[in-house]
N, C-alpha and C. Protein backbone atom coordinates (compact mmCIF):
# COMPACT_ATOMS: atom_id res chain seq x y z
N MET A 1 91.27 73.07 74.43
CA MET A 1 91.12 73.50 75.82
C MET A 1 91.51 74.96 75.92
N ALA A 2 90.80 75.71 76.67
CA ALA A 2 91.10 77.14 76.83
C ALA A 2 92.39 77.34 77.58
N VAL A 3 93.10 78.41 77.24
CA VAL A 3 94.38 78.69 77.88
C VAL A 3 94.22 78.81 79.39
N SER A 4 93.17 79.48 79.85
CA SER A 4 93.02 79.67 81.29
C SER A 4 92.86 78.34 82.01
N ALA A 5 92.14 77.42 81.40
CA ALA A 5 91.97 76.11 82.03
C ALA A 5 93.31 75.42 82.16
N CYS A 6 94.11 75.52 81.12
CA CYS A 6 95.42 74.90 81.16
C CYS A 6 96.33 75.64 82.14
N VAL A 7 96.26 76.97 82.14
CA VAL A 7 97.07 77.75 83.08
C VAL A 7 96.67 77.40 84.51
N ALA A 8 95.38 77.29 84.75
CA ALA A 8 94.92 76.94 86.09
C ALA A 8 95.42 75.55 86.46
N LEU A 9 95.36 74.63 85.53
CA LEU A 9 95.87 73.29 85.79
C LEU A 9 97.36 73.34 86.09
N VAL A 10 98.07 74.09 85.29
CA VAL A 10 99.50 74.19 85.46
C VAL A 10 99.85 74.87 86.77
N ALA A 11 99.21 75.97 87.05
CA ALA A 11 99.52 76.71 88.26
C ALA A 11 99.26 75.87 89.48
N CYS A 12 98.36 74.97 89.38
CA CYS A 12 98.04 74.11 90.50
C CYS A 12 98.77 72.79 90.44
N ALA A 13 99.40 72.50 89.32
CA ALA A 13 99.90 71.15 89.12
C ALA A 13 101.40 71.00 89.10
N CYS A 14 102.14 72.07 89.03
CA CYS A 14 103.56 71.85 88.83
C CYS A 14 104.37 72.90 89.55
N GLY A 15 105.66 72.62 89.69
CA GLY A 15 106.53 73.64 90.24
C GLY A 15 107.38 73.15 91.37
N PRO A 16 108.34 73.96 91.73
CA PRO A 16 109.24 73.60 92.81
C PRO A 16 108.50 73.60 94.14
N ASP A 17 109.01 72.84 95.06
CA ASP A 17 108.40 72.76 96.38
C ASP A 17 108.50 74.12 97.06
N LYS A 18 107.41 74.53 97.72
CA LYS A 18 107.41 75.84 98.37
C LYS A 18 108.37 75.91 99.55
N ALA A 19 108.90 74.79 99.95
CA ALA A 19 109.81 74.76 101.09
C ALA A 19 111.24 75.08 100.66
N LYS A 20 111.43 75.50 99.44
CA LYS A 20 112.76 75.86 98.95
C LYS A 20 113.40 76.83 99.94
N GLU A 21 114.59 76.52 100.35
CA GLU A 21 115.22 77.26 101.43
C GLU A 21 115.66 78.66 101.06
N ASP A 22 116.06 78.89 99.80
CA ASP A 22 116.67 80.16 99.46
C ASP A 22 115.73 81.06 98.69
N THR A 23 114.50 81.20 99.13
CA THR A 23 113.56 82.09 98.43
C THR A 23 113.34 83.38 99.21
N GLY A 24 114.27 83.73 100.06
CA GLY A 24 114.09 84.88 100.93
C GLY A 24 114.25 86.23 100.25
N ALA A 25 114.86 86.27 99.09
CA ALA A 25 115.08 87.57 98.48
C ALA A 25 114.21 87.73 97.25
N LYS A 26 114.05 88.95 96.89
CA LYS A 26 113.23 89.28 95.73
C LYS A 26 113.97 88.87 94.47
N PRO A 27 113.34 88.11 93.58
CA PRO A 27 114.00 87.70 92.36
C PRO A 27 114.21 88.87 91.42
N SER A 28 115.17 88.70 90.51
CA SER A 28 115.40 89.75 89.53
C SER A 28 114.20 89.82 88.61
N GLN A 29 113.96 90.99 88.07
CA GLN A 29 112.77 91.15 87.23
C GLN A 29 113.13 91.64 85.85
N SER A 30 114.26 91.21 85.34
CA SER A 30 114.65 91.63 84.00
C SER A 30 113.64 91.14 82.99
N SER A 31 113.17 92.05 82.15
CA SER A 31 112.25 91.64 81.11
C SER A 31 112.87 91.89 79.74
N ALA A 32 114.16 92.14 79.72
CA ALA A 32 114.82 92.43 78.47
C ALA A 32 115.02 91.18 77.61
N SER A 33 115.06 90.04 78.24
CA SER A 33 115.30 88.80 77.50
C SER A 33 114.05 88.37 76.77
N THR A 34 114.21 88.12 75.47
CA THR A 34 113.09 87.57 74.70
C THR A 34 113.59 86.37 73.95
N ARG A 35 112.71 85.47 73.65
CA ARG A 35 113.09 84.24 72.97
C ARG A 35 112.29 84.14 71.69
N ALA A 36 112.98 83.93 70.57
CA ALA A 36 112.30 83.85 69.29
C ALA A 36 112.05 82.42 68.86
N GLU A 37 112.77 81.46 69.46
CA GLU A 37 112.60 80.09 69.01
C GLU A 37 111.31 79.47 69.54
N GLU A 38 110.87 78.44 68.86
CA GLU A 38 109.64 77.75 69.24
C GLU A 38 109.86 77.01 70.56
N PRO A 39 108.86 77.01 71.46
CA PRO A 39 109.00 76.26 72.70
C PRO A 39 108.90 74.77 72.43
N SER A 40 109.68 74.00 73.18
CA SER A 40 109.58 72.56 73.05
C SER A 40 108.76 72.04 74.23
N ALA A 41 108.30 70.81 74.11
CA ALA A 41 107.49 70.24 75.18
C ALA A 41 108.30 70.09 76.45
N THR A 42 109.60 69.85 76.30
CA THR A 42 110.47 69.75 77.47
C THR A 42 111.68 70.64 77.22
N PRO A 43 111.66 71.86 77.69
CA PRO A 43 112.76 72.78 77.44
C PRO A 43 114.09 72.23 77.94
N SER A 44 115.14 72.45 77.16
CA SER A 44 116.44 71.97 77.57
C SER A 44 116.99 72.85 78.68
N ALA A 45 117.92 72.31 79.41
CA ALA A 45 118.52 73.07 80.51
C ALA A 45 119.23 74.30 79.96
N SER A 46 119.88 74.18 78.80
CA SER A 46 120.58 75.33 78.25
C SER A 46 119.61 76.43 77.85
N ALA A 47 118.45 76.06 77.31
CA ALA A 47 117.46 77.07 76.94
C ALA A 47 116.95 77.79 78.17
N ARG A 48 116.77 77.07 79.25
CA ARG A 48 116.26 77.69 80.46
C ARG A 48 117.29 78.60 81.12
N THR A 49 118.57 78.27 81.02
CA THR A 49 119.57 79.08 81.70
C THR A 49 119.79 80.41 81.00
N GLU A 50 119.34 80.56 79.74
CA GLU A 50 119.50 81.81 79.03
C GLU A 50 118.46 82.84 79.45
N LYS A 51 117.41 82.42 80.12
CA LYS A 51 116.33 83.33 80.51
C LYS A 51 116.66 83.96 81.86
N PRO A 52 115.99 85.06 82.19
CA PRO A 52 116.24 85.69 83.49
C PRO A 52 115.96 84.72 84.63
N SER A 53 116.79 84.77 85.61
CA SER A 53 116.65 83.86 86.74
C SER A 53 115.58 84.33 87.71
N ALA A 54 114.87 83.36 88.28
CA ALA A 54 113.89 83.67 89.32
C ALA A 54 114.53 83.51 90.69
N GLU A 55 115.81 83.23 90.71
CA GLU A 55 116.50 83.02 91.97
C GLU A 55 116.71 84.35 92.69
N PRO A 56 116.82 84.30 94.00
CA PRO A 56 117.03 85.52 94.78
C PRO A 56 118.30 86.24 94.35
N THR A 57 118.28 87.56 94.45
CA THR A 57 119.45 88.34 94.05
C THR A 57 120.15 88.98 95.24
N GLY A 58 119.69 88.71 96.43
CA GLY A 58 120.32 89.29 97.61
C GLY A 58 119.75 88.68 98.87
N ASP A 59 120.00 89.35 99.99
CA ASP A 59 119.57 88.82 101.28
C ASP A 59 118.29 89.45 101.79
N GLN A 60 117.72 90.40 101.07
CA GLN A 60 116.55 91.11 101.55
C GLN A 60 115.26 90.38 101.18
N PRO A 61 114.32 90.26 102.10
CA PRO A 61 113.03 89.67 101.75
C PRO A 61 112.24 90.61 100.84
N ALA A 62 111.34 90.04 100.08
CA ALA A 62 110.46 90.85 99.23
C ALA A 62 109.53 91.66 100.13
N PRO A 63 109.08 92.81 99.66
CA PRO A 63 108.17 93.62 100.48
C PRO A 63 106.87 92.87 100.78
N ARG A 64 106.49 92.83 102.03
CA ARG A 64 105.26 92.16 102.46
C ARG A 64 104.13 93.18 102.42
N THR A 65 103.89 93.68 101.20
CA THR A 65 102.91 94.74 100.99
C THR A 65 102.07 94.41 99.77
N LYS A 66 100.99 95.14 99.60
CA LYS A 66 100.15 95.00 98.42
C LYS A 66 101.00 95.27 97.17
N GLU A 67 101.84 96.28 97.23
CA GLU A 67 102.69 96.62 96.11
C GLU A 67 103.68 95.49 95.79
N GLY A 68 104.20 94.85 96.85
CA GLY A 68 105.10 93.72 96.65
C GLY A 68 104.41 92.56 95.96
N ALA A 69 103.16 92.30 96.33
CA ALA A 69 102.38 91.23 95.70
C ALA A 69 102.10 91.56 94.24
N ILE A 70 101.77 92.80 93.97
CA ILE A 70 101.51 93.23 92.59
C ILE A 70 102.77 93.07 91.74
N GLN A 71 103.90 93.49 92.29
CA GLN A 71 105.16 93.38 91.56
C GLN A 71 105.46 91.92 91.23
N ARG A 72 105.23 91.04 92.18
CA ARG A 72 105.49 89.61 91.97
C ARG A 72 104.54 89.03 90.93
N TYR A 73 103.28 89.40 90.98
CA TYR A 73 102.31 88.90 90.01
C TYR A 73 102.62 89.43 88.61
N GLU A 74 103.03 90.66 88.52
CA GLU A 74 103.44 91.20 87.22
C GLU A 74 104.66 90.46 86.69
N GLN A 75 105.56 90.08 87.59
CA GLN A 75 106.73 89.27 87.19
C GLN A 75 106.24 87.96 86.57
N TYR A 76 105.24 87.34 87.18
CA TYR A 76 104.66 86.09 86.66
C TYR A 76 104.02 86.32 85.29
N LEU A 77 103.21 87.38 85.16
CA LEU A 77 102.55 87.67 83.89
C LEU A 77 103.56 87.89 82.77
N HIS A 78 104.60 88.67 83.05
CA HIS A 78 105.64 88.95 82.06
C HIS A 78 106.37 87.67 81.68
N ALA A 79 106.67 86.84 82.67
CA ALA A 79 107.34 85.56 82.41
C ALA A 79 106.46 84.64 81.57
N LEU A 80 105.17 84.65 81.84
CA LEU A 80 104.23 83.86 81.04
C LEU A 80 104.29 84.31 79.58
N GLY A 81 104.32 85.61 79.35
CA GLY A 81 104.41 86.14 78.00
C GLY A 81 105.73 85.82 77.31
N ARG A 82 106.81 85.76 78.08
CA ARG A 82 108.15 85.45 77.53
C ARG A 82 108.41 83.95 77.43
N GLU A 83 107.49 83.15 77.95
CA GLU A 83 107.69 81.70 78.04
C GLU A 83 108.90 81.37 78.92
N ASP A 84 109.05 82.12 79.98
CA ASP A 84 110.15 81.93 80.93
C ASP A 84 109.71 80.90 81.97
N ILE A 85 109.94 79.65 81.66
CA ILE A 85 109.45 78.54 82.47
C ILE A 85 110.00 78.58 83.90
N ASP A 86 111.25 78.99 84.06
CA ASP A 86 111.85 79.00 85.40
C ASP A 86 111.13 80.00 86.31
N THR A 87 110.89 81.21 85.81
CA THR A 87 110.23 82.22 86.62
C THR A 87 108.77 81.84 86.88
N VAL A 88 108.09 81.37 85.84
CA VAL A 88 106.69 80.96 86.00
C VAL A 88 106.57 79.89 87.08
N CYS A 89 107.40 78.88 87.00
CA CYS A 89 107.33 77.79 87.97
C CYS A 89 107.80 78.21 89.36
N GLU A 90 108.68 79.19 89.44
CA GLU A 90 109.10 79.72 90.75
C GLU A 90 107.93 80.42 91.43
N VAL A 91 107.29 81.34 90.71
CA VAL A 91 106.20 82.13 91.30
C VAL A 91 104.98 81.27 91.59
N ALA A 92 104.67 80.34 90.69
CA ALA A 92 103.48 79.50 90.86
C ALA A 92 103.79 78.20 91.59
N GLY A 93 104.98 78.08 92.14
CA GLY A 93 105.43 76.84 92.77
C GLY A 93 104.48 76.19 93.75
N PRO A 94 103.99 76.89 94.78
CA PRO A 94 103.09 76.24 95.75
C PRO A 94 101.80 75.72 95.13
N ALA A 95 101.19 76.48 94.24
CA ALA A 95 99.96 76.02 93.58
C ALA A 95 100.28 74.85 92.66
N ALA A 96 101.40 74.94 91.98
CA ALA A 96 101.81 73.89 91.08
C ALA A 96 102.09 72.59 91.84
N LYS A 97 102.69 72.72 92.99
CA LYS A 97 102.98 71.54 93.81
C LYS A 97 101.69 70.85 94.24
N LYS A 98 100.68 71.64 94.63
CA LYS A 98 99.38 71.06 95.01
C LYS A 98 98.81 70.25 93.86
N ALA A 99 98.85 70.79 92.67
CA ALA A 99 98.29 70.11 91.51
C ALA A 99 99.10 68.87 91.16
N GLN A 100 100.41 68.98 91.27
CA GLN A 100 101.26 67.82 90.99
C GLN A 100 100.95 66.70 91.98
N ASP A 101 100.74 67.06 93.22
CA ASP A 101 100.40 66.07 94.24
C ASP A 101 99.06 65.40 93.96
N GLN A 102 98.22 66.07 93.17
CA GLN A 102 96.92 65.51 92.79
C GLN A 102 96.99 64.74 91.48
N GLY A 103 98.20 64.52 90.98
CA GLY A 103 98.38 63.67 89.82
C GLY A 103 98.73 64.35 88.52
N LEU A 104 98.82 65.65 88.50
CA LEU A 104 99.21 66.33 87.28
C LEU A 104 100.73 66.33 87.16
N GLY A 105 101.22 66.60 85.99
CA GLY A 105 102.65 66.54 85.75
C GLY A 105 103.42 67.68 86.37
N PRO A 106 104.74 67.62 86.23
CA PRO A 106 105.60 68.68 86.77
C PRO A 106 105.37 70.00 86.04
N CYS A 107 105.66 71.07 86.71
CA CYS A 107 105.43 72.42 86.20
C CYS A 107 106.03 72.62 84.81
N THR A 108 107.26 72.22 84.63
CA THR A 108 107.93 72.50 83.37
C THR A 108 107.21 71.88 82.18
N SER A 109 106.74 70.66 82.29
CA SER A 109 106.04 70.05 81.16
C SER A 109 104.63 70.59 81.02
N THR A 110 103.98 70.89 82.13
CA THR A 110 102.61 71.42 82.06
C THR A 110 102.60 72.81 81.45
N TYR A 111 103.50 73.69 81.89
CA TYR A 111 103.52 75.04 81.34
C TYR A 111 104.02 75.06 79.91
N ALA A 112 104.83 74.10 79.50
CA ALA A 112 105.24 74.04 78.10
C ALA A 112 104.00 73.89 77.22
N ALA A 113 103.03 73.11 77.69
CA ALA A 113 101.78 72.96 76.95
C ALA A 113 100.97 74.26 77.00
N VAL A 114 100.96 74.91 78.14
CA VAL A 114 100.23 76.17 78.29
C VAL A 114 100.78 77.22 77.33
N PHE A 115 102.09 77.33 77.26
CA PHE A 115 102.71 78.33 76.39
C PHE A 115 102.22 78.19 74.95
N GLN A 116 102.03 76.96 74.51
CA GLN A 116 101.58 76.73 73.13
C GLN A 116 100.12 77.09 72.94
N MET A 117 99.37 77.23 74.02
CA MET A 117 97.95 77.56 73.93
C MET A 117 97.70 79.07 73.98
N ILE A 118 98.71 79.84 74.31
CA ILE A 118 98.57 81.29 74.40
C ILE A 118 98.87 81.88 73.03
N SER A 119 97.96 82.70 72.54
CA SER A 119 98.14 83.29 71.21
C SER A 119 99.31 84.27 71.20
N PRO A 120 99.89 84.53 70.03
CA PRO A 120 100.97 85.52 69.95
C PRO A 120 100.54 86.90 70.48
N ALA A 121 99.31 87.32 70.20
CA ALA A 121 98.84 88.62 70.70
C ALA A 121 98.75 88.62 72.22
N GLN A 122 98.30 87.51 72.81
CA GLN A 122 98.23 87.42 74.26
C GLN A 122 99.62 87.41 74.88
N LYS A 123 100.56 86.68 74.27
CA LYS A 123 101.93 86.66 74.78
C LYS A 123 102.53 88.06 74.78
N LYS A 124 102.32 88.77 73.68
CA LYS A 124 102.85 90.13 73.58
C LYS A 124 102.24 91.01 74.67
N ALA A 125 100.94 90.88 74.88
CA ALA A 125 100.25 91.68 75.90
C ALA A 125 100.73 91.34 77.30
N LEU A 126 100.98 90.07 77.57
CA LEU A 126 101.43 89.65 78.89
C LEU A 126 102.81 90.20 79.22
N LYS A 127 103.65 90.38 78.23
CA LYS A 127 105.02 90.87 78.46
C LYS A 127 105.05 92.26 79.10
N THR A 128 103.99 93.04 78.90
CA THR A 128 103.95 94.40 79.44
C THR A 128 102.73 94.63 80.33
N ALA A 129 102.02 93.57 80.67
CA ALA A 129 100.80 93.71 81.48
C ALA A 129 101.13 94.31 82.85
N THR A 130 100.16 95.06 83.36
CA THR A 130 100.28 95.62 84.70
C THR A 130 99.03 95.23 85.49
N VAL A 131 99.05 95.52 86.78
CA VAL A 131 97.92 95.20 87.65
C VAL A 131 97.36 96.49 88.23
N ASP A 132 96.06 96.64 88.15
CA ASP A 132 95.36 97.80 88.73
C ASP A 132 95.20 97.56 90.22
N PRO A 133 95.90 98.31 91.07
CA PRO A 133 95.85 98.08 92.51
C PRO A 133 94.45 98.27 93.10
N GLN A 134 93.60 99.04 92.42
CA GLN A 134 92.25 99.28 92.91
C GLN A 134 91.36 98.05 92.76
N ARG A 135 91.75 97.11 91.92
CA ARG A 135 90.90 95.95 91.64
C ARG A 135 91.32 94.67 92.37
N ILE A 136 92.39 94.73 93.14
CA ILE A 136 92.79 93.53 93.88
C ILE A 136 92.16 93.55 95.27
N ALA A 137 92.12 92.39 95.90
CA ALA A 137 91.50 92.27 97.22
C ALA A 137 92.52 91.77 98.23
N VAL A 138 92.81 92.59 99.23
CA VAL A 138 93.71 92.18 100.30
C VAL A 138 92.87 91.44 101.34
N ARG A 139 93.04 90.13 101.42
CA ARG A 139 92.28 89.31 102.37
C ARG A 139 92.89 89.36 103.76
N THR A 140 94.19 89.24 103.82
CA THR A 140 94.97 89.36 105.06
C THR A 140 96.29 89.99 104.65
N PRO A 141 97.14 90.40 105.60
CA PRO A 141 98.45 90.94 105.20
C PRO A 141 99.29 89.95 104.39
N ASP A 142 98.97 88.65 104.51
CA ASP A 142 99.74 87.61 103.82
C ASP A 142 99.00 86.97 102.65
N LYS A 143 97.80 87.45 102.32
CA LYS A 143 97.00 86.80 101.28
C LYS A 143 96.25 87.84 100.45
N ILE A 144 96.53 87.83 99.15
CA ILE A 144 95.95 88.82 98.24
C ILE A 144 95.35 88.12 97.02
N GLU A 145 94.13 88.52 96.68
CA GLU A 145 93.44 87.98 95.50
C GLU A 145 93.73 88.87 94.30
N MET A 146 94.10 88.24 93.20
CA MET A 146 94.37 88.95 91.95
C MET A 146 93.33 88.52 90.91
N PRO A 147 92.21 89.21 90.85
CA PRO A 147 91.20 88.85 89.85
C PRO A 147 91.68 89.20 88.44
N VAL A 148 91.20 88.45 87.48
CA VAL A 148 91.59 88.70 86.09
C VAL A 148 91.24 90.12 85.67
N GLU A 149 90.21 90.69 86.27
CA GLU A 149 89.82 92.07 85.93
C GLU A 149 90.86 93.11 86.33
N ALA A 150 91.78 92.74 87.19
CA ALA A 150 92.84 93.66 87.62
C ALA A 150 93.98 93.74 86.61
N VAL A 151 94.04 92.79 85.69
CA VAL A 151 95.12 92.76 84.70
C VAL A 151 94.85 93.79 83.61
N ARG A 152 95.80 94.70 83.43
CA ARG A 152 95.72 95.73 82.40
C ARG A 152 96.71 95.38 81.30
N ALA A 153 96.19 95.16 80.10
CA ALA A 153 97.05 94.76 78.99
C ALA A 153 96.44 95.25 77.68
N SER A 154 97.19 95.09 76.60
CA SER A 154 96.72 95.54 75.29
C SER A 154 95.61 94.65 74.74
N VAL A 155 95.38 93.49 75.34
CA VAL A 155 94.23 92.65 75.03
C VAL A 155 93.49 92.40 76.34
N THR A 156 92.22 92.10 76.25
CA THR A 156 91.44 91.82 77.45
C THR A 156 91.49 90.33 77.74
N PHE A 157 91.79 90.00 78.98
CA PHE A 157 91.81 88.61 79.41
C PHE A 157 90.55 88.32 80.21
N SER A 158 90.14 87.05 80.19
CA SER A 158 88.95 86.63 80.93
C SER A 158 89.30 85.45 81.83
N GLU A 159 88.34 85.03 82.62
CA GLU A 159 88.54 83.85 83.47
C GLU A 159 88.89 82.63 82.62
N SER A 160 88.31 82.54 81.42
CA SER A 160 88.53 81.36 80.60
C SER A 160 89.90 81.33 79.92
N ASP A 161 90.58 82.49 79.81
CA ASP A 161 91.89 82.43 79.17
C ASP A 161 93.06 82.84 80.06
N LEU A 162 92.81 83.40 81.21
CA LEU A 162 93.90 83.69 82.15
C LEU A 162 93.53 83.26 83.56
N GLY A 163 92.36 83.65 84.01
CA GLY A 163 91.92 83.27 85.33
C GLY A 163 92.36 84.24 86.41
N SER A 164 91.90 83.98 87.62
CA SER A 164 92.25 84.78 88.79
C SER A 164 93.13 83.94 89.70
N TYR A 165 93.94 84.61 90.51
CA TYR A 165 94.90 83.91 91.35
C TYR A 165 94.93 84.47 92.76
N THR A 166 95.37 83.63 93.69
CA THR A 166 95.63 84.04 95.07
C THR A 166 97.13 84.00 95.27
N LEU A 167 97.67 85.10 95.80
CA LEU A 167 99.08 85.13 96.16
C LEU A 167 99.18 85.17 97.67
N GLU A 168 100.13 84.41 98.21
CA GLU A 168 100.38 84.41 99.65
C GLU A 168 101.85 84.68 99.90
N TYR A 169 102.11 85.33 101.03
CA TYR A 169 103.48 85.64 101.42
C TYR A 169 104.02 84.44 102.20
N LEU A 170 104.97 83.73 101.59
CA LEU A 170 105.57 82.54 102.18
C LEU A 170 107.08 82.64 102.06
N LYS A 171 107.77 82.31 103.11
CA LYS A 171 109.24 82.30 103.08
C LYS A 171 109.82 83.56 102.46
N ASN A 172 109.32 84.71 102.90
CA ASN A 172 109.85 86.03 102.52
C ASN A 172 109.61 86.44 101.07
N ASP A 173 108.58 85.87 100.41
CA ASP A 173 108.23 86.31 99.07
C ASP A 173 106.78 85.96 98.78
N TRP A 174 106.25 86.51 97.71
CA TRP A 174 104.87 86.26 97.29
C TRP A 174 104.86 85.12 96.29
N TYR A 175 103.91 84.18 96.49
CA TYR A 175 103.77 83.02 95.60
C TYR A 175 102.31 82.81 95.26
N ILE A 176 102.06 82.31 94.07
CA ILE A 176 100.70 81.91 93.69
C ILE A 176 100.40 80.60 94.41
N THR A 177 99.33 80.60 95.18
CA THR A 177 98.96 79.39 95.93
C THR A 177 97.65 78.80 95.47
N ASP A 178 96.87 79.56 94.71
CA ASP A 178 95.58 79.06 94.23
C ASP A 178 95.17 79.83 93.00
């Protein structure tokens, strides 16, 4: 199965409930943490706690701007490359919840499978990927489309291996919803 198909399934199938009360602040975006060990199908709690937290770091809401959405999506891309399950499931939570409600597994187990489908070159590229602001589409002040063509990385991604996403501003932060 192509990575994008699995990522799309995961993004739509798993994750914390979007009604999480404490998502009002912008999560930390440390990308210094890297993991050399092989991912397991069900990451242990200790392995997850060593990675950068997706939890809020203060009382300020994330910027409700195009730039804020780009920053959040880049956080997701970098976390995908680092296999940072906590951050991935935090950002993709609403889409993941929809998919889980449709019968797919929880985010953590679904993305564990996705991580194994991403090549080492793609993972490396995702760790430093950026988004071209000229290629995204602002649908409303609260809804932004991130087409795969907007992703700038050392490898080229396509719909079949990464896909396009919709981010929406919910509870003071940007989340992948579709």
